[in-house]
Structure formats: structure tokens, C-alpha cells
């Protein structure tokens, strides 16, 4: 599958599209086919090395995604469910800018009906930050 990766820390010039192995699910993850992603300031901190965090290999960029469940072992999510997450690409988790992502079930949420995927993914980081602060 294709993914946006970086091999070394640095600026945007370190990002490139590469073929990587498609992830598989575990008892703790749900496989999501990605339909929309966004880039936020935390992504730039991770890519530059300014935010010290364990990274998955290959280092797939991005935290935020919207997609559809394609495989899982979790009762809360069914194949075809539309979902979102905003916490990939750090603490050892693969990033969001890939065709498929294995998302930990405790970091995956059902997407609200009637909300465009691009608008949703653009809002999840700032909305989640606001909810935490409140």
C-alpha cells in the first residue's frame, strides 16, 4: 500500500510516498481504509524531531484520519462503519497518511452521520483539544 513517510527528521522535504506493508489487525486494533486525512502543527513537530516520541517503522506521517472499517475483532465497530481518530503517528503508532491504518480501538470513534469526511478530519484535532481543555 502507499503511505507518506519520512526516513529522517527535518522539514517537509523529508516526506515522500512509499510502498509499505499493509497493517493487520490485532485484538486491540481495527483496520481502517483511510478516506481523508489532515495535517496539523503536531505533525510538523513529530517530523522535525522537536516532539520526542517513539515512532513506528516505517515512520508514516500524520495523526488525524477519517475512514471506513474493513476488518476488526471489536464488537463496537462493524465492517463498513465510518470512523475517525486523531492520535496516530506517535507513541509507536503508525501514522494516518496511508491507504490503511490499524487504529487502536481505544482511539477510534464513530463518525457522526451527515458530516462530510473532509470537514470532519479538518476539525477533529482542534475540537478534541477544546474538549480536553474544557
C-alpha atoms as a PDB file:
ATOM      1  CA  UNK A   1       0.000   0.000   0.000  1.00  0.00           C
ATOM      2  CA  UNK A   2       1.067   3.599  -0.417  1.00  0.00           C
ATOM      3  CA  UNK A   3       1.866   5.875   2.525  1.00  0.00           C
ATOM      4  CA  UNK A   4       3.527   9.235   3.170  1.00  0.00           C
ATOM      5  CA  UNK A   5       6.693   8.506   5.139  1.00  0.00           C
ATOM      6  CA  UNK A   6       9.821  10.203   6.420  1.00  0.00           C
ATOM      7  CA  UNK A   7      13.109   8.406   6.976  1.00  0.00           C
ATOM      8  CA  UNK A   8      14.929  11.231   8.770  1.00  0.00           C
ATOM      9  CA  UNK A   9      13.830  14.166  10.877  1.00  0.00           C
ATOM     10  CA  UNK A  10      13.597  17.538   9.153  1.00  0.00           C
ATOM     11  CA  UNK A  11      11.372  19.752   7.042  1.00  0.00           C
ATOM     12  CA  UNK A  12       8.617  18.903   4.577  1.00  0.00           C
ATOM     13  CA  UNK A  13      11.259  17.873   2.024  1.00  0.00           C
ATOM     14  CA  UNK A  14      11.791  14.707   4.115  1.00  0.00           C
ATOM     15  CA  UNK A  15       8.273  13.457   3.250  1.00  0.00           C
ATOM     16  CA  UNK A  16       7.816  11.070   0.337  1.00  0.00           C
ATOM     17  CA  UNK A  17       5.328   8.486  -0.896  1.00  0.00           C
ATOM     18  CA  UNK A  18       6.477   4.894  -0.438  1.00  0.00           C
ATOM     19  CA  UNK A  19       5.151   1.365  -0.688  1.00  0.00           C
ATOM     20  CA  UNK A  20       4.799  -0.113   2.804  1.00  0.00           C
ATOM     21  CA  UNK A  21       3.332  -3.312   4.172  1.00  0.00           C
ATOM     22  CA  UNK A  22      -0.416  -3.185   4.793  1.00  0.00           C
ATOM     23  CA  UNK A  23      -1.067  -3.479   8.539  1.00  0.00           C
ATOM     24  CA  UNK A  24      -3.009  -6.345  10.050  1.00  0.00           C
ATOM     25  CA  UNK A  25      -5.415  -6.223  12.964  1.00  0.00           C
ATOM     26  CA  UNK A  26      -4.771  -7.445  16.471  1.00  0.00           C
ATOM     27  CA  UNK A  27      -7.139  -7.937  19.384  1.00  0.00           C
ATOM     28  CA  UNK A  28      -6.608  -4.245  20.215  1.00  0.00           C
ATOM     29  CA  UNK A  29      -6.882  -2.708  16.730  1.00  0.00           C
ATOM     30  CA  UNK A  30      -9.370  -2.099  13.948  1.00  0.00           C
ATOM     31  CA  UNK A  31      -8.241  -1.934  10.306  1.00  0.00           C
ATOM     32  CA  UNK A  32      -9.470   1.256   8.643  1.00  0.00           C
ATOM     33  CA  UNK A  33      -9.395   2.159   4.927  1.00  0.00           C
ATOM     34  CA  UNK A  34      -8.493   5.839   5.007  1.00  0.00           C
ATOM     35  CA  UNK A  35     -10.737   8.258   3.097  1.00  0.00           C
ATOM     36  CA  UNK A  36      -9.498  11.629   4.433  1.00  0.00           C
ATOM     37  CA  UNK A  37      -6.520  12.948   6.399  1.00  0.00           C
ATOM     38  CA  UNK A  38      -5.370  16.312   7.661  1.00  0.00           C
ATOM     39  CA  UNK A  39      -2.062  17.821   8.687  1.00  0.00           C
ATOM     40  CA  UNK A  40      -1.727  19.834  11.870  1.00  0.00           C
ATOM     41  CA  UNK A  41       1.084  21.522  13.764  1.00  0.00           C
ATOM     42  CA  UNK A  42       1.828  18.446  15.905  1.00  0.00           C
ATOM     43  CA  UNK A  43       2.652  16.528  12.705  1.00  0.00           C
ATOM     44  CA  UNK A  44       5.364  19.087  11.955  1.00  0.00           C
ATOM     45  CA  UNK A  45       6.780  18.732  15.496  1.00  0.00           C
ATOM     46  CA  UNK A  46       6.957  14.923  15.147  1.00  0.00           C
ATOM     47  CA  UNK A  47       8.506  15.056  11.654  1.00  0.00           C
ATOM     48  CA  UNK A  48      11.104  17.646  12.684  1.00  0.00           C
ATOM     49  CA  UNK A  49      12.140  15.689  15.779  1.00  0.00           C
ATOM     50  CA  UNK A  50      11.104  18.547  18.098  1.00  0.00           C
ATOM     51  CA  UNK A  51       8.471  16.304  19.759  1.00  0.00           C
ATOM     52  CA  UNK A  52      10.420  13.335  21.116  1.00  0.00           C
ATOM     53  CA  UNK A  53       8.258  10.226  20.818  1.00  0.00           C
ATOM     54  CA  UNK A  54       8.734   6.603  19.812  1.00  0.00           C
ATOM     55  CA  UNK A  55       7.879   6.165  16.123  1.00  0.00           C
ATOM     56  CA  UNK A  56       6.680   3.108  14.256  1.00  0.00           C
ATOM     57  CA  UNK A  57       8.852   1.883  11.391  1.00  0.00           C
ATOM     58  CA  UNK A  58       8.379   2.945   8.677  1.00  0.00           C
ATOM     59  CA  UNK A  59       7.681   6.418  10.012  1.00  0.00           C
ATOM     60  CA  UNK A  60       4.296   7.172   8.469  1.00  0.00           C
ATOM     61  CA  UNK A  61       3.296  10.810   8.956  1.00  0.00           C
ATOM     62  CA  UNK A  62       0.051  12.172  10.340  1.00  0.00           C
ATOM     63  CA  UNK A  63      -2.287  11.925  13.301  1.00  0.00           C
ATOM     64  CA  UNK A  64      -5.813  12.559  12.001  1.00  0.00           C
ATOM     65  CA  UNK A  65      -7.958  10.422   9.704  1.00  0.00           C
ATOM     66  CA  UNK A  66     -11.498   9.554   8.686  1.00  0.00           C
ATOM     67  CA  UNK A  67     -12.198   6.201   7.085  1.00  0.00           C
ATOM     68  CA  UNK A  68     -14.229   3.002   6.968  1.00  0.00           C
ATOM     69  CA  UNK A  69     -13.702  -0.159   8.988  1.00  0.00           C
ATOM     70  CA  UNK A  70     -12.568  -3.059   6.798  1.00  0.00           C
ATOM     71  CA  UNK A  71     -11.596  -5.649   9.449  1.00  0.00           C
ATOM     72  CA  UNK A  72     -11.828  -5.968  13.201  1.00  0.00           C
ATOM     73  CA  UNK A  73     -12.496  -8.162  16.192  1.00  0.00           C
ATOM     74  CA  UNK A  74     -14.246  -5.496  18.244  1.00  0.00           C
ATOM     75  CA  UNK A  75     -17.978  -5.579  18.936  1.00  0.00           C
ATOM     76  CA  UNK A  76     -18.241  -1.778  18.974  1.00  0.00           C
ATOM     77  CA  UNK A  77     -17.144  -1.458  15.327  1.00  0.00           C
ATOM     78  CA  UNK A  78     -18.515  -3.267  12.300  1.00  0.00           C
ATOM     79  CA  UNK A  79     -17.131  -3.589   8.779  1.00  0.00           C
ATOM     80  CA  UNK A  80     -18.373  -0.572   6.837  1.00  0.00           C
ATOM     81  CA  UNK A  81     -18.678   1.742   9.874  1.00  0.00           C
ATOM     82  CA  UNK A  82     -17.413   5.261   9.224  1.00  0.00           C
ATOM     83  CA  UNK A  83     -14.867   6.245  11.889  1.00  0.00           C
ATOM     84  CA  UNK A  84     -12.280   8.835  12.890  1.00  0.00           C
ATOM     85  CA  UNK A  85      -9.175   9.153  15.041  1.00  0.00           C
ATOM     86  CA  UNK A  86      -6.774  11.946  15.894  1.00  0.00           C
ATOM     87  CA  UNK A  87      -3.962  10.188  17.711  1.00  0.00           C
ATOM     88  CA  UNK A  88      -1.873   8.220  15.256  1.00  0.00           C
ATOM     89  CA  UNK A  89       1.774   8.734  14.229  1.00  0.00           C
ATOM     90  CA  UNK A  90       3.399   8.945  17.652  1.00  0.00           C
ATOM     91  CA  UNK A  91       3.960   6.787  20.788  1.00  0.00           C
ATOM     92  CA  UNK A  92       4.909   3.915  18.458  1.00  0.00           C
ATOM     93  CA  UNK A  93       1.688   4.012  16.397  1.00  0.00           C
ATOM     94  CA  UNK A  94       1.849   4.175  12.602  1.00  0.00           C
ATOM     95  CA  UNK A  95       0.670   7.446  11.108  1.00  0.00           C
ATOM     96  CA  UNK A  96      -2.578   8.299   9.347  1.00  0.00           C
ATOM     97  CA  UNK A  97      -1.353   9.187   5.842  1.00  0.00           C
ATOM     98  CA  UNK A  98      -1.652   5.672   4.419  1.00  0.00           C
ATOM     99  CA  UNK A  99      -4.229   3.712   2.472  1.00  0.00           C
ATOM    100  CA  UNK A 100      -4.940   1.508   5.526  1.00  0.00           C
ATOM    101  CA  UNK A 101      -4.244   2.075   9.215  1.00  0.00           C
ATOM    102  CA  UNK A 102      -4.562  -0.296  12.176  1.00  0.00           C
ATOM    103  CA  UNK A 103      -6.144   2.004  14.780  1.00  0.00           C
ATOM    104  CA  UNK A 104      -6.203   1.048  18.470  1.00  0.00           C
ATOM    105  CA  UNK A 105      -9.836   0.532  19.454  1.00  0.00           C
ATOM    106  CA  UNK A 106      -9.485   2.900  22.422  1.00  0.00           C
ATOM    107  CA  UNK A 107      -8.506   5.701  20.000  1.00  0.00           C
ATOM    108  CA  UNK A 108     -11.241   5.115  17.410  1.00  0.00           C
ATOM    109  CA  UNK A 109     -14.625   6.851  17.271  1.00  0.00           C
ATOM    110  CA  UNK A 110     -17.759   6.571  15.167  1.00  0.00           C
ATOM    111  CA  UNK A 111     -18.130   9.424  12.687  1.00  0.00           C
ATOM    112  CA  UNK A 112     -21.375  11.372  13.046  1.00  0.00           C
ATOM    113  CA  UNK A 113     -23.947  10.866  10.309  1.00  0.00           C
ATOM    114  CA  UNK A 114     -24.261  13.621   7.731  1.00  0.00           C
ATOM    115  CA  UNK A 115     -20.833  15.180   8.324  1.00  0.00           C
ATOM    116  CA  UNK A 116     -18.523  15.406   5.311  1.00  0.00           C
ATOM    117  CA  UNK A 117     -15.302  13.425   5.867  1.00  0.00           C
ATOM    118  CA  UNK A 118     -13.024  16.284   4.819  1.00  0.00           C
ATOM    119  CA  UNK A 119     -14.761  18.727   7.147  1.00  0.00           C
ATOM    120  CA  UNK A 120     -14.682  16.200   9.976  1.00  0.00           C
ATOM    121  CA  UNK A 121     -10.968  15.415   9.666  1.00  0.00           C
ATOM    122  CA  UNK A 122     -10.170  19.126   9.475  1.00  0.00           C
ATOM    123  CA  UNK A 123     -11.960  19.668  12.797  1.00  0.00           C
ATOM    124  CA  UNK A 124     -11.008  16.651  14.920  1.00  0.00           C
ATOM    125  CA  UNK A 125      -7.675  17.898  16.269  1.00  0.00           C
ATOM    126  CA  UNK A 126      -8.847  21.323  17.370  1.00  0.00           C
ATOM    127  CA  UNK A 127     -12.215  20.006  18.567  1.00  0.00           C
ATOM    128  CA  UNK A 128     -10.602  17.265  20.653  1.00  0.00           C
ATOM    129  CA  UNK A 129      -8.127  19.760  22.104  1.00  0.00           C
ATOM    130  CA  UNK A 130     -11.005  22.076  23.059  1.00  0.00           C
ATOM    131  CA  UNK A 131     -12.922  19.203  24.677  1.00  0.00           C
ATOM    132  CA  UNK A 132      -9.874  18.219  26.750  1.00  0.00           C
ATOM    133  CA  UNK A 133      -9.341  21.819  27.882  1.00  0.00           C
ATOM    134  CA  UNK A 134     -12.993  22.233  28.826  1.00  0.00           C
END
